Amino acid sequence: MQRVEGKAREAGRHELRLLTNGAFEANVSLYKGQGYSLDREEPFMNGTTVYMSKRIAG
């Protein structure tokens, strides 16, 4: 995750966004532990897509 954040900073980005399957609760917990916030959840093919984001310093 640190490498991704570094690449984003190099590219002049100030936010990272990701999505994961809500059924993978461990993923959601991991990302929250890395500082990501849950933006929204949407139903998708009998499951839930979880959208998350994180602001990063430039």
C-alpha atoms as a PDB file:
ATOM      1  CA  MET A   1       0.000   0.000   0.000  1.00  0.00           C
ATOM      2  CA  GLN A   2       2.886   2.366   0.683  1.00  0.00           C
ATOM      3  CA  ARG A   3       4.160   1.882  -2.852  1.00  0.00           C
ATOM      4  CA  VAL A   4       0.754   2.718  -4.294  1.00  0.00           C
ATOM      5  CA  GLU A   5       0.550   5.863  -2.177  1.00  0.00           C
ATOM      6  CA  GLY A   6       4.049   6.880  -3.272  1.00  0.00           C
ATOM      7  CA  LYS A   7       3.160   6.398  -6.940  1.00  0.00           C
ATOM      8  CA  ALA A   8      -0.016   8.430  -6.462  1.00  0.00           C
ATOM      9  CA  ARG A   9       1.944  11.283  -4.855  1.00  0.00           C
ATOM     10  CA  GLU A  10       4.477  11.210  -7.700  1.00  0.00           C
ATOM     11  CA  ALA A  11       1.574  11.531 -10.130  1.00  0.00           C
ATOM     12  CA  GLY A  12       0.210  14.542  -8.218  1.00  0.00           C
ATOM     13  CA  ARG A  13      -2.828  12.721  -6.854  1.00  0.00           C
ATOM     14  CA  HIS A  14      -4.330  13.616  -3.490  1.00  0.00           C
ATOM     15  CA  GLU A  15      -6.792  10.758  -3.102  1.00  0.00           C
ATOM     16  CA  LEU A  16      -6.856   7.020  -3.630  1.00  0.00           C
ATOM     17  CA  ARG A  17     -10.063   5.124  -4.343  1.00  0.00           C
ATOM     18  CA  LEU A  18     -10.791   1.434  -4.382  1.00  0.00           C
ATOM     19  CA  LEU A  19     -13.629  -1.001  -4.403  1.00  0.00           C
ATOM     20  CA  THR A  20     -14.020  -4.459  -2.932  1.00  0.00           C
ATOM     21  CA  ASN A  21     -16.672  -7.076  -2.417  1.00  0.00           C
ATOM     22  CA  GLY A  22     -18.594  -6.587   0.820  1.00  0.00           C
ATOM     23  CA  ALA A  23     -18.466 -10.357   1.407  1.00  0.00           C
ATOM     24  CA  PHE A  24     -14.720 -10.017   2.003  1.00  0.00           C
ATOM     25  CA  GLU A  25     -14.988  -8.439   5.432  1.00  0.00           C
ATOM     26  CA  ALA A  26     -11.259  -8.938   6.007  1.00  0.00           C
ATOM     27  CA  ASN A  27     -10.532  -6.692   3.006  1.00  0.00           C
ATOM     28  CA  VAL A  28     -12.785  -3.945   4.320  1.00  0.00           C
ATOM     29  CA  SER A  29     -11.141  -4.169   7.760  1.00  0.00           C
ATOM     30  CA  LEU A  30      -7.658  -4.127   6.226  1.00  0.00           C
ATOM     31  CA  TYR A  31      -8.405  -1.013   4.189  1.00  0.00           C
ATOM     32  CA  LYS A  32     -10.025   0.749   7.145  1.00  0.00           C
ATOM     33  CA  GLY A  33      -6.890  -0.039   9.156  1.00  0.00           C
ATOM     34  CA  GLN A  34      -4.834   1.592   6.391  1.00  0.00           C
ATOM     35  CA  GLY A  35      -6.858   4.806   6.720  1.00  0.00           C
ATOM     36  CA  TYR A  36      -9.504   4.287   4.027  1.00  0.00           C
ATOM     37  CA  SER A  37     -13.044   5.518   4.618  1.00  0.00           C
ATOM     38  CA  LEU A  38     -16.163   3.776   3.423  1.00  0.00           C
ATOM     39  CA  ASP A  39     -17.821   6.034   0.846  1.00  0.00           C
ATOM     40  CA  ARG A  40     -20.801   3.949  -0.175  1.00  0.00           C
ATOM     41  CA  GLU A  41     -22.128   0.449  -0.744  1.00  0.00           C
ATOM     42  CA  GLU A  42     -24.112  -0.689  -3.777  1.00  0.00           C
ATOM     43  CA  PRO A  43     -25.858  -3.956  -4.563  1.00  0.00           C
ATOM     44  CA  PHE A  44     -24.145  -5.923  -7.316  1.00  0.00           C
ATOM     45  CA  MET A  45     -25.028  -9.415  -8.569  1.00  0.00           C
ATOM     46  CA  ASN A  46     -26.505 -10.759  -5.311  1.00  0.00           C
ATOM     47  CA  GLY A  47     -23.725  -9.122  -3.296  1.00  0.00           C
ATOM     48  CA  THR A  48     -22.460  -5.701  -2.331  1.00  0.00           C
ATOM     49  CA  THR A  49     -19.737  -3.544  -3.813  1.00  0.00           C
ATOM     50  CA  VAL A  50     -17.968  -1.424  -1.206  1.00  0.00           C
ATOM     51  CA  TYR A  51     -16.389   1.846  -2.388  1.00  0.00           C
ATOM     52  CA  MET A  52     -13.625   3.329  -0.237  1.00  0.00           C
ATOM     53  CA  SER A  53     -11.222   6.270  -0.443  1.00  0.00           C
ATOM     54  CA  LYS A  54      -8.247   7.797   1.332  1.00  0.00           C
ATOM     55  CA  ARG A  55      -6.832  11.330   1.190  1.00  0.00           C
ATOM     56  CA  ILE A  56      -3.056  11.400   0.880  1.00  0.00           C
ATOM     57  CA  ALA A  57      -0.642  14.238   1.543  1.00  0.00           C
ATOM     58  CA  GLY A  58       1.106  15.697  -1.484  1.00  0.00           C
END
